Amino acid sequence: MAFTVPLPRTPSDGGVARWYENELGWAAADGSPVRLLTGLRFDVLELPADAGAAVLRRTKTAGPVALMGHRMRLLVAAGSADELPGLLEWLEWGGIALDLTAIGTGGLMTAPPPPGCPGSRGAAVWLRPPVPGREVEPTLPALVPFGRSAAAGGGISPDLVRLVDTVATECHRARLLRTNTPRANTQPLAFS
């Protein structure tokens, strides 16, 4: 009697976790949907999608950008989440409700399907996907020493301070536009 060995089971995630781990070197948490661990190779700035769309129009951010529902996620250098509160205070955005959060060490981000792979309706999607086969981390916005530009190292992404200032401005504008409806026309729009 010949023994037959069953074929290995395919992961329930369709190989998405394996793609992130093998192609990009990003850690993925077990379970479905696949979630990426933040704080190791990147952190995430999460903001409303309407504000995020304006940020993408205003900057030449080279880092990956994902969309999940009505929230946009900008990938930034690891450690940036810890810097966000101080940067907002220094940029004089402290105390203003911006609907901006940072996900850093110990956090999770729902992983969009790899580029070219179909996803389910309502799932996260890449607007600017990471590119396998090249280092993603050097292109992520990060704090740079005073007097240097982020582009000096060969990257084209803005430094974190400029990105956070742009993100804060667009989050504030989006909040004002959402609250300035014809029925609740209580806030005059005054943009610089």
N, C-alpha and C. Protein backbone atom coordinates (compact mmCIF):
# COMPACT_ATOMS: atom_id res chain seq x y z
N MET A 1 0.84 -1.18 0.00
CA MET A 1 0.00 0.00 0.00
C MET A 1 0.89 1.24 0.00
N ALA A 2 0.67 2.11 -0.95
CA ALA A 2 1.47 3.33 -1.06
C ALA A 2 0.86 4.43 -0.20
N PHE A 3 1.75 5.12 0.50
CA PHE A 3 1.30 6.23 1.31
C PHE A 3 1.31 7.49 0.46
N THR A 4 0.26 8.22 0.55
CA THR A 4 0.21 9.50 -0.16
C THR A 4 0.36 10.62 0.85
N VAL A 5 1.19 11.52 0.49
CA VAL A 5 1.42 12.68 1.35
C VAL A 5 0.59 13.83 0.81
N PRO A 6 -0.27 14.38 1.67
CA PRO A 6 -1.08 15.49 1.17
C PRO A 6 -0.21 16.70 0.86
N LEU A 7 -0.68 17.47 -0.09
CA LEU A 7 0.01 18.70 -0.44
C LEU A 7 -0.02 19.66 0.75
N PRO A 8 1.01 20.48 0.87
CA PRO A 8 0.99 21.44 1.97
C PRO A 8 -0.20 22.37 1.84
N ARG A 9 -0.73 22.76 2.97
CA ARG A 9 -1.85 23.70 2.95
C ARG A 9 -1.36 25.06 2.51
N THR A 10 -2.19 25.71 1.73
CA THR A 10 -1.85 27.08 1.36
C THR A 10 -2.33 27.99 2.48
N PRO A 11 -1.56 29.01 2.80
CA PRO A 11 -1.99 29.91 3.86
C PRO A 11 -3.34 30.53 3.50
N SER A 12 -4.14 30.77 4.53
CA SER A 12 -5.47 31.35 4.30
C SER A 12 -5.38 32.76 3.75
N ASP A 13 -4.22 33.38 3.91
CA ASP A 13 -4.07 34.74 3.40
C ASP A 13 -3.63 34.78 1.95
N GLY A 14 -3.53 33.63 1.29
CA GLY A 14 -3.14 33.59 -0.12
C GLY A 14 -1.69 33.94 -0.35
N GLY A 15 -0.84 33.84 0.67
CA GLY A 15 0.57 34.15 0.52
C GLY A 15 0.92 35.61 0.72
N VAL A 16 -0.03 36.42 1.16
CA VAL A 16 0.22 37.84 1.35
C VAL A 16 1.28 38.07 2.43
N ALA A 17 1.15 37.39 3.56
CA ALA A 17 2.13 37.55 4.64
C ALA A 17 3.52 37.15 4.16
N ARG A 18 3.58 36.05 3.43
CA ARG A 18 4.86 35.58 2.91
C ARG A 18 5.47 36.61 1.95
N TRP A 19 4.65 37.25 1.13
CA TRP A 19 5.14 38.27 0.21
C TRP A 19 5.79 39.42 0.98
N TYR A 20 5.09 39.91 2.02
CA TYR A 20 5.64 41.01 2.80
C TYR A 20 6.94 40.60 3.50
N GLU A 21 6.95 39.41 4.06
CA GLU A 21 8.14 38.97 4.78
C GLU A 21 9.32 38.68 3.85
N ASN A 22 9.06 38.01 2.73
CA ASN A 22 10.15 37.60 1.83
C ASN A 22 10.58 38.70 0.87
N GLU A 23 9.65 39.43 0.31
CA GLU A 23 9.98 40.44 -0.69
C GLU A 23 10.43 41.77 -0.08
N LEU A 24 9.83 42.14 1.05
CA LEU A 24 10.13 43.44 1.64
C LEU A 24 10.88 43.37 2.96
N GLY A 25 10.85 42.19 3.59
CA GLY A 25 11.49 42.06 4.90
C GLY A 25 10.69 42.69 6.02
N TRP A 26 9.38 42.83 5.83
CA TRP A 26 8.52 43.41 6.85
C TRP A 26 7.86 42.29 7.64
N ALA A 27 7.79 42.44 8.94
CA ALA A 27 7.18 41.44 9.81
C ALA A 27 5.66 41.52 9.71
N ALA A 28 5.03 40.35 9.63
CA ALA A 28 3.57 40.27 9.58
C ALA A 28 3.07 39.46 10.77
N ALA A 29 1.96 39.88 11.34
CA ALA A 29 1.35 39.17 12.45
C ALA A 29 0.51 38.01 11.92
N ASP A 30 0.40 36.97 12.70
CA ASP A 30 -0.45 35.84 12.31
C ASP A 30 -1.91 36.25 12.33
N GLY A 31 -2.69 35.62 11.48
CA GLY A 31 -4.12 35.86 11.47
C GLY A 31 -4.60 36.42 10.15
N SER A 32 -5.90 36.58 10.10
CA SER A 32 -6.52 37.11 8.91
C SER A 32 -7.43 38.25 9.34
N PRO A 33 -7.37 39.40 8.74
CA PRO A 33 -6.52 39.77 7.63
C PRO A 33 -5.07 39.91 8.07
N VAL A 34 -4.18 39.88 7.11
CA VAL A 34 -2.76 40.04 7.39
C VAL A 34 -2.53 41.45 7.91
N ARG A 35 -1.75 41.54 8.98
CA ARG A 35 -1.42 42.84 9.56
C ARG A 35 0.10 42.95 9.66
N LEU A 36 0.60 44.12 9.37
CA LEU A 36 2.03 44.40 9.42
C LEU A 36 2.38 45.04 10.75
N LEU A 37 3.51 44.61 11.32
CA LEU A 37 3.97 45.18 12.58
C LEU A 37 4.66 46.51 12.30
N THR A 38 4.24 47.54 13.02
CA THR A 38 4.85 48.85 12.85
C THR A 38 5.92 49.05 13.92
N GLY A 39 6.78 50.02 13.68
CA GLY A 39 7.83 50.32 14.64
C GLY A 39 9.13 49.58 14.39
N LEU A 40 9.11 48.60 13.51
CA LEU A 40 10.33 47.85 13.20
C LEU A 40 11.03 48.42 11.97
N ARG A 41 10.32 48.45 10.86
CA ARG A 41 10.89 48.97 9.60
C ARG A 41 10.26 50.29 9.18
N PHE A 42 9.08 50.57 9.73
CA PHE A 42 8.37 51.81 9.39
C PHE A 42 7.35 52.11 10.47
N ASP A 43 6.91 53.36 10.54
CA ASP A 43 5.78 53.80 11.34
C ASP A 43 4.73 54.31 10.37
N VAL A 44 3.56 54.64 10.88
CA VAL A 44 2.45 55.07 10.02
C VAL A 44 1.85 56.36 10.56
N LEU A 45 1.63 57.32 9.66
CA LEU A 45 0.80 58.48 9.97
C LEU A 45 -0.56 58.20 9.36
N GLU A 46 -1.61 58.21 10.19
CA GLU A 46 -2.95 57.90 9.71
C GLU A 46 -3.81 59.15 9.82
N LEU A 47 -4.50 59.47 8.71
CA LEU A 47 -5.27 60.70 8.63
C LEU A 47 -6.50 60.47 7.75
N PRO A 48 -7.46 61.38 7.78
CA PRO A 48 -8.63 61.24 6.91
C PRO A 48 -8.21 61.22 5.44
N ALA A 49 -8.93 60.44 4.64
CA ALA A 49 -8.58 60.27 3.23
C ALA A 49 -8.65 61.59 2.46
N ASP A 50 -9.60 62.47 2.78
CA ASP A 50 -9.68 63.73 2.05
C ASP A 50 -8.45 64.61 2.33
N ALA A 51 -7.99 64.63 3.56
CA ALA A 51 -6.78 65.37 3.89
C ALA A 51 -5.57 64.70 3.25
N GLY A 52 -5.54 63.37 3.25
CA GLY A 52 -4.43 62.64 2.65
C GLY A 52 -4.31 62.89 1.16
N ALA A 53 -5.45 62.98 0.47
CA ALA A 53 -5.41 63.26 -0.96
C ALA A 53 -4.79 64.63 -1.23
N ALA A 54 -5.11 65.60 -0.39
CA ALA A 54 -4.53 66.94 -0.54
C ALA A 54 -3.02 66.90 -0.24
N VAL A 55 -2.61 66.11 0.74
CA VAL A 55 -1.18 65.97 1.05
C VAL A 55 -0.45 65.39 -0.15
N LEU A 56 -1.01 64.37 -0.77
CA LEU A 56 -0.36 63.75 -1.93
C LEU A 56 -0.25 64.71 -3.11
N ARG A 57 -1.22 65.61 -3.24
CA ARG A 57 -1.14 66.62 -4.31
C ARG A 57 -0.06 67.65 -4.02
N ARG A 58 0.19 67.94 -2.74
CA ARG A 58 1.13 69.00 -2.36
C ARG A 58 2.57 68.54 -2.20
N THR A 59 2.79 67.24 -1.96
CA THR A 59 4.15 66.75 -1.72
C THR A 59 4.53 65.70 -2.75
N LYS A 60 5.79 65.48 -2.84
CA LYS A 60 6.29 64.42 -3.71
C LYS A 60 6.74 63.25 -2.85
N THR A 61 5.91 62.89 -1.87
CA THR A 61 6.23 61.80 -0.96
C THR A 61 6.53 60.54 -1.75
N ALA A 62 7.71 59.98 -1.51
CA ALA A 62 8.11 58.77 -2.24
C ALA A 62 7.75 57.51 -1.47
N GLY A 63 7.42 57.63 -0.21
CA GLY A 63 7.11 56.46 0.60
C GLY A 63 5.78 55.85 0.21
N PRO A 64 5.58 54.58 0.58
CA PRO A 64 4.31 53.91 0.30
C PRO A 64 3.14 54.59 1.00
N VAL A 65 1.98 54.54 0.36
CA VAL A 65 0.75 55.13 0.89
C VAL A 65 -0.37 54.12 0.70
N ALA A 66 -1.11 53.84 1.77
CA ALA A 66 -2.23 52.90 1.71
C ALA A 66 -3.53 53.61 2.07
N LEU A 67 -4.62 53.05 1.61
CA LEU A 67 -5.95 53.57 1.91
C LEU A 67 -6.79 52.43 2.46
N MET A 68 -7.45 52.69 3.59
CA MET A 68 -8.37 51.71 4.17
C MET A 68 -9.62 52.46 4.59
N GLY A 69 -10.68 52.23 3.84
CA GLY A 69 -11.92 52.94 4.13
C GLY A 69 -11.74 54.43 3.90
N HIS A 70 -12.03 55.21 4.92
CA HIS A 70 -11.91 56.66 4.83
C HIS A 70 -10.64 57.17 5.49
N ARG A 71 -9.66 56.29 5.68
CA ARG A 71 -8.40 56.66 6.33
C ARG A 71 -7.23 56.37 5.41
N MET A 72 -6.30 57.31 5.32
CA MET A 72 -5.09 57.14 4.53
C MET A 72 -3.93 56.92 5.48
N ARG A 73 -3.00 56.08 5.05
CA ARG A 73 -1.83 55.75 5.87
C ARG A 73 -0.56 56.05 5.09
N LEU A 74 0.23 56.96 5.63
CA LEU A 74 1.51 57.33 5.03
C LEU A 74 2.60 56.61 5.82
N LEU A 75 3.43 55.83 5.14
CA LEU A 75 4.52 55.16 5.82
C LEU A 75 5.68 56.12 5.97
N VAL A 76 6.20 56.19 7.19
CA VAL A 76 7.32 57.07 7.52
C VAL A 76 8.37 56.22 8.23
N ALA A 77 9.54 56.80 8.45
CA ALA A 77 10.64 56.07 9.06
C ALA A 77 10.27 55.58 10.47
N ALA A 78 10.80 54.42 10.84
CA ALA A 78 10.57 53.88 12.18
C ALA A 78 11.06 54.90 13.21
N GLY A 79 10.29 55.07 14.28
CA GLY A 79 10.61 56.04 15.32
C GLY A 79 9.89 57.36 15.15
N SER A 80 9.30 57.59 13.99
CA SER A 80 8.62 58.86 13.72
C SER A 80 7.37 59.03 14.58
N ALA A 81 6.70 57.94 14.93
CA ALA A 81 5.49 58.04 15.75
C ALA A 81 5.79 58.67 17.10
N ASP A 82 6.96 58.36 17.65
CA ASP A 82 7.35 58.95 18.93
C ASP A 82 7.61 60.45 18.80
N GLU A 83 8.01 60.89 17.63
CA GLU A 83 8.34 62.29 17.40
C GLU A 83 7.12 63.16 17.12
N LEU A 84 6.00 62.54 16.72
CA LEU A 84 4.84 63.32 16.26
C LEU A 84 4.33 64.33 17.28
N PRO A 85 4.07 63.94 18.54
CA PRO A 85 3.55 64.96 19.48
C PRO A 85 4.47 66.16 19.64
N GLY A 86 5.77 65.94 19.75
CA GLY A 86 6.72 67.04 19.89
C GLY A 86 6.79 67.90 18.64
N LEU A 87 6.73 67.26 17.47
CA LEU A 87 6.75 68.02 16.21
C LEU A 87 5.51 68.90 16.09
N LEU A 88 4.35 68.34 16.41
CA LEU A 88 3.11 69.13 16.32
C LEU A 88 3.17 70.32 17.28
N GLU A 89 3.70 70.10 18.46
CA GLU A 89 3.83 71.20 19.43
C GLU A 89 4.81 72.25 18.90
N TRP A 90 5.96 71.82 18.39
CA TRP A 90 6.98 72.73 17.88
C TRP A 90 6.47 73.52 16.67
N LEU A 91 5.66 72.87 15.84
CA LEU A 91 5.09 73.53 14.66
C LEU A 91 3.85 74.36 15.00
N GLU A 92 3.53 74.45 16.28
CA GLU A 92 2.40 75.22 16.81
C GLU A 92 1.05 74.67 16.40
N TRP A 93 0.97 73.32 16.27
CA TRP A 93 -0.30 72.65 16.03
C TRP A 93 -0.80 71.97 17.30
N GLY A 94 -0.08 72.08 18.39
CA GLY A 94 -0.47 71.44 19.65
C GLY A 94 -1.81 71.98 20.13
N GLY A 95 -2.63 71.12 20.64
CA GLY A 95 -3.93 71.53 21.17
C GLY A 95 -5.02 71.70 20.13
N ILE A 96 -4.71 71.47 18.86
CA ILE A 96 -5.72 71.60 17.80
C ILE A 96 -6.12 70.19 17.37
N ALA A 97 -7.42 69.94 17.34
CA ALA A 97 -7.93 68.62 16.94
C ALA A 97 -7.69 68.42 15.45
N LEU A 98 -6.79 67.50 15.11
CA LEU A 98 -6.44 67.30 13.70
C LEU A 98 -6.92 65.98 13.13
N ASP A 99 -7.38 65.05 13.93
CA ASP A 99 -7.76 63.71 13.47
C ASP A 99 -6.56 63.03 12.80
N LEU A 100 -5.40 63.18 13.42
CA LEU A 100 -4.14 62.62 12.95
C LEU A 100 -3.58 61.73 14.03
N THR A 101 -3.26 60.50 13.68
CA THR A 101 -2.65 59.59 14.64
C THR A 101 -1.39 58.99 14.05
N ALA A 102 -0.55 58.50 14.92
CA ALA A 102 0.67 57.82 14.50
C ALA A 102 0.66 56.42 15.11
N ILE A 103 1.07 55.46 14.32
CA ILE A 103 1.16 54.08 14.78
C ILE A 103 2.63 53.70 14.74
N GLY A 104 3.18 53.39 15.90
CA GLY A 104 4.60 53.09 16.00
C GLY A 104 4.85 51.73 16.61
N THR A 105 5.86 51.65 17.44
CA THR A 105 6.29 50.40 18.05
C THR A 105 5.13 49.69 18.73
N GLY A 106 4.97 48.42 18.39
CA GLY A 106 3.91 47.60 18.97
C GLY A 106 2.58 47.72 18.26
N GLY A 107 2.49 48.54 17.24
CA GLY A 107 1.24 48.72 16.52
C GLY A 107 1.11 47.77 15.34
N LEU A 108 -0.07 47.77 14.76
CA LEU A 108 -0.37 46.93 13.60
C LEU A 108 -1.07 47.75 12.54
N MET A 109 -0.79 47.42 11.30
CA MET A 109 -1.45 48.04 10.16
C MET A 109 -1.99 46.93 9.26
N THR A 110 -3.26 47.00 8.91
CA THR A 110 -3.83 46.02 7.98
C THR A 110 -3.08 46.11 6.66
N ALA A 111 -2.61 44.95 6.19
CA ALA A 111 -1.79 44.91 4.98
C ALA A 111 -2.67 44.86 3.74
N PRO A 112 -2.49 45.80 2.83
CA PRO A 112 -3.18 45.70 1.54
C PRO A 112 -2.61 44.51 0.76
N PRO A 113 -3.37 43.96 -0.17
CA PRO A 113 -2.80 42.90 -1.01
C PRO A 113 -1.61 43.46 -1.80
N PRO A 114 -0.65 42.59 -2.11
CA PRO A 114 0.49 43.05 -2.92
C PRO A 114 0.00 43.62 -4.25
N PRO A 115 0.78 44.51 -4.85
CA PRO A 115 0.38 45.08 -6.14
C PRO A 115 0.09 43.98 -7.16
N GLY A 116 -1.02 44.13 -7.88
CA GLY A 116 -1.41 43.16 -8.89
C GLY A 116 -2.27 42.03 -8.37
N CYS A 117 -2.42 41.92 -7.05
CA CYS A 117 -3.27 40.87 -6.46
C CYS A 117 -4.62 41.46 -6.12
N PRO A 118 -5.67 40.72 -6.40
CA PRO A 118 -7.00 41.25 -6.08
C PRO A 118 -7.24 41.23 -4.57
N GLY A 119 -8.00 42.16 -4.13
CA GLY A 119 -8.39 42.23 -2.73
C GLY A 119 -9.89 42.19 -2.61
N SER A 120 -10.36 42.01 -1.41
CA SER A 120 -11.81 41.99 -1.21
C SER A 120 -12.33 43.42 -1.11
N ARG A 121 -13.61 43.56 -1.36
CA ARG A 121 -14.24 44.87 -1.33
C ARG A 121 -14.13 45.46 0.08
N GLY A 122 -13.71 46.70 0.16
CA GLY A 122 -13.57 47.38 1.45
C GLY A 122 -12.23 47.12 2.12
N ALA A 123 -11.39 46.29 1.51
CA ALA A 123 -10.07 46.00 2.09
C ALA A 123 -9.12 47.15 1.82
N ALA A 124 -8.03 47.14 2.56
CA ALA A 124 -6.99 48.14 2.34
C ALA A 124 -6.40 47.97 0.95
N VAL A 125 -5.99 49.09 0.34
CA VAL A 125 -5.35 49.07 -0.98
C VAL A 125 -4.14 49.99 -0.96
N TRP A 126 -3.17 49.69 -1.81
CA TRP A 126 -2.01 50.56 -1.96
C TRP A 126 -2.32 51.65 -2.98
N LEU A 127 -2.11 52.89 -2.61
CA LEU A 127 -2.18 53.99 -3.57
C LEU A 127 -0.80 54.19 -4.18
N ARG A 128 0.22 54.05 -3.36
CA ARG A 128 1.62 54.06 -3.77
C ARG A 128 2.25 52.84 -3.11
N PRO A 129 2.35 51.74 -3.83
CA PRO A 129 2.84 50.50 -3.21
C PRO A 129 4.34 50.50 -2.98
N PRO A 130 4.78 49.69 -2.02
CA PRO A 130 6.23 49.50 -1.86
C PRO A 130 6.75 48.70 -3.05
N VAL A 131 7.99 48.92 -3.41
CA VAL A 131 8.58 48.24 -4.56
C VAL A 131 9.51 47.14 -4.07
N PRO A 132 9.18 45.87 -4.37
CA PRO A 132 10.07 44.79 -3.94
C PRO A 132 11.40 44.87 -4.66
N GLY A 133 12.42 44.35 -4.00
CA GLY A 133 13.73 44.30 -4.63
C GLY A 133 14.57 45.54 -4.42
N ARG A 134 14.04 46.52 -3.75
CA ARG A 134 14.86 47.68 -3.41
C ARG A 134 14.51 48.09 -1.99
N GLU A 135 15.41 48.73 -1.35
CA GLU A 135 15.19 49.14 0.02
C GLU A 135 14.12 50.23 0.07
N VAL A 136 13.08 49.98 0.83
CA VAL A 136 12.00 50.95 0.96
C VAL A 136 12.35 51.99 2.03
N GLU A 137 12.98 51.55 3.10
CA GLU A 137 13.20 52.41 4.25
C GLU A 137 13.95 53.71 3.94
N PRO A 138 14.98 53.71 3.08
CA PRO A 138 15.66 54.98 2.80
C PRO A 138 14.79 56.03 2.11
N THR A 139 13.66 55.62 1.53
CA THR A 139 12.79 56.58 0.85
C THR A 139 11.70 57.13 1.77
N LEU A 140 11.62 56.63 3.01
CA LEU A 140 10.57 57.07 3.93
C LEU A 140 10.94 58.41 4.56
N PRO A 141 9.96 59.30 4.70
CA PRO A 141 10.22 60.57 5.37
C PRO A 141 10.76 60.34 6.78
N ALA A 142 11.80 61.08 7.15
CA ALA A 142 12.45 60.92 8.45
C ALA A 142 12.96 62.27 8.92
N LEU A 143 13.32 62.33 10.20
CA LEU A 143 13.96 63.53 10.71
C LEU A 143 15.36 63.59 10.13
N VAL A 144 15.75 64.73 9.66
CA VAL A 144 17.09 64.90 9.08
C VAL A 144 17.82 65.97 9.88
N PRO A 145 19.14 65.88 9.96
CA PRO A 145 19.90 66.91 10.69
C PRO A 145 19.68 68.29 10.09
N PHE A 146 19.73 69.29 10.93
CA PHE A 146 19.53 70.68 10.49
C PHE A 146 20.55 71.02 9.42
N GLY A 147 20.11 71.66 8.36
CA GLY A 147 20.98 72.07 7.29
C GLY A 147 21.10 71.06 6.16
N ARG A 148 20.51 69.89 6.32
CA ARG A 148 20.53 68.88 5.27
C ARG A 148 19.11 68.67 4.78
N SER A 149 18.99 68.24 3.56
CA SER A 149 17.67 67.88 3.05
C SER A 149 17.59 66.38 2.98
N ALA A 150 16.39 65.86 3.03
CA ALA A 150 16.20 64.42 2.92
C ALA A 150 16.67 63.93 1.56
N ALA A 151 16.60 64.79 0.56
CA ALA A 151 17.00 64.40 -0.79
C ALA A 151 18.51 64.28 -0.93
N ALA A 152 19.28 64.84 0.01
CA ALA A 152 20.74 64.80 -0.09
C ALA A 152 21.27 63.37 -0.07
N GLY A 153 20.55 62.45 0.59
CA GLY A 153 20.98 61.06 0.65
C GLY A 153 20.54 60.26 -0.55
N GLY A 154 20.02 60.89 -1.56
CA GLY A 154 19.60 60.19 -2.76
C GLY A 154 18.11 59.93 -2.81
N GLY A 155 17.42 60.14 -1.68
CA GLY A 155 15.97 59.95 -1.68
C GLY A 155 15.27 61.19 -2.19
N ILE A 156 14.00 61.05 -2.52
CA ILE A 156 13.25 62.22 -2.99
C ILE A 156 12.11 62.57 -2.03
N SER A 157 12.07 61.88 -0.89
CA SER A 157 11.00 62.13 0.05
C SER A 157 11.31 63.35 0.91
N PRO A 158 10.29 64.04 1.38
CA PRO A 158 10.51 65.21 2.22
C PRO A 158 10.98 64.79 3.61
N ASP A 159 11.56 65.72 4.33
CA ASP A 159 11.90 65.38 5.69
C ASP A 159 10.61 65.34 6.51
N LEU A 160 10.67 64.70 7.65
CA LEU A 160 9.48 64.47 8.46
C LEU A 160 8.84 65.77 8.93
N VAL A 161 9.64 66.77 9.26
CA VAL A 161 9.09 68.04 9.76
C VAL A 161 8.19 68.67 8.71
N ARG A 162 8.67 68.75 7.48
CA ARG A 162 7.86 69.35 6.40
C ARG A 162 6.61 68.52 6.12
N LEU A 163 6.76 67.20 6.14
CA LEU A 163 5.61 66.34 5.90
C LEU A 163 4.56 66.53 6.99
N VAL A 164 4.98 66.52 8.26
CA VAL A 164 4.03 66.68 9.37
C VAL A 164 3.35 68.04 9.30
N ASP A 165 4.07 69.09 8.94
CA ASP A 165 3.45 70.41 8.82
C ASP A 165 2.39 70.40 7.71
N THR A 166 2.71 69.78 6.58
CA THR A 166 1.74 69.68 5.48
C THR A 166 0.54 68.85 5.89
N VAL A 167 0.78 67.72 6.55
CA VAL A 167 -0.30 66.84 7.00
C VAL A 167 -1.21 67.58 7.98
N ALA A 168 -0.61 68.29 8.95
CA ALA A 168 -1.41 69.02 9.93
C ALA A 168 -2.26 70.09 9.26
N THR A 169 -1.67 70.82 8.33
CA THR A 169 -2.41 71.86 7.60
C THR A 169 -3.59 71.26 6.86
N GLU A 170 -3.36 70.18 6.14
CA GLU A 170 -4.45 69.57 5.36
C GLU A 170 -5.50 68.91 6.25
N CYS A 171 -5.11 68.34 7.38
CA CYS A 171 -6.10 67.78 8.32
C CYS A 171 -6.99 68.89 8.86
N HIS A 172 -6.38 70.02 9.19
CA HIS A 172 -7.15 71.16 9.71
C HIS A 172 -8.10 71.71 8.63
N ARG A 173 -7.60 71.87 7.42
CA ARG A 173 -8.45 72.36 6.32
C ARG A 173 -9.61 71.41 6.06
N ALA A 174 -9.33 70.12 6.04
CA ALA A 174 -10.39 69.14 5.79
C ALA A 174 -11.45 69.19 6.88
N ARG A 175 -11.01 69.34 8.13
CA ARG A 175 -11.97 69.42 9.23
C ARG A 175 -12.83 70.67 9.10
N LEU A 176 -12.22 71.79 8.73
CA LEU A 176 -12.99 73.02 8.55
C LEU A 176 -13.99 72.88 7.40
N LEU A 177 -13.56 72.28 6.31
CA LEU A 177 -14.46 72.10 5.16
C LEU A 177 -15.62 71.17 5.50
N ARG A 178 -15.34 70.13 6.28
CA ARG A 178 -16.42 69.19 6.66
C ARG A 178 -17.43 69.85 7.58
N THR A 179 -16.97 70.76 8.45
CA THR A 179 -17.90 71.40 9.39
C THR A 179 -18.55 72.65 8.81
N ASN A 180 -18.08 73.13 7.68
CA ASN A 180 -18.62 74.35 7.08
C ASN A 180 -19.63 74.00 5.99
N THR A 181 -20.68 73.31 6.37
CA THR A 181 -21.75 72.97 5.44
C THR A 181 -22.75 74.12 5.39
N PRO A 182 -23.58 74.18 4.36
CA PRO A 182 -24.57 75.27 4.29
C PRO A 182 -25.46 75.36 5.51
N ARG A 183 -25.80 74.19 6.12
CA ARG A 183 -26.66 74.22 7.31
C ARG A 183 -25.91 74.71 8.53
N ALA A 184 -24.63 74.42 8.61
CA ALA A 184 -23.86 74.79 9.79
C ALA A 184 -22.73 75.74 9.40
N ASN A 185 -23.06 76.76 8.66
CA ASN A 185 -22.07 77.72 8.19
C ASN A 185 -21.63 78.62 9.34
N THR A 186 -20.85 78.03 10.24
CA THR A 186 -20.43 78.77 11.43
C THR A 186 -18.97 79.17 11.40
N GLN A 187 -18.19 78.57 10.56
CA GLN A 187 -16.75 78.84 10.50
C GLN A 187 -16.38 79.47 9.16
N PRO A 188 -15.92 80.70 9.17
CA PRO A 188 -15.45 81.29 7.91
C PRO A 188 -14.16 80.59 7.48
N LEU A 189 -14.01 80.39 6.18
CA LEU A 189 -12.81 79.78 5.67
C LEU A 189 -11.78 80.87 5.38
N ALA A 190 -10.62 80.72 5.99
CA ALA A 190 -9.55 81.68 5.79
C ALA A 190 -8.25 80.91 5.70
N PHE A 191 -7.84 80.63 4.49
CA PHE A 191 -6.61 79.88 4.28
C PHE A 191 -5.53 80.81 3.79
N SER A 192 -4.34 80.50 4.21
CA SER A 192 -3.21 81.31 3.74
C SER A 192 -2.64 80.73 2.49
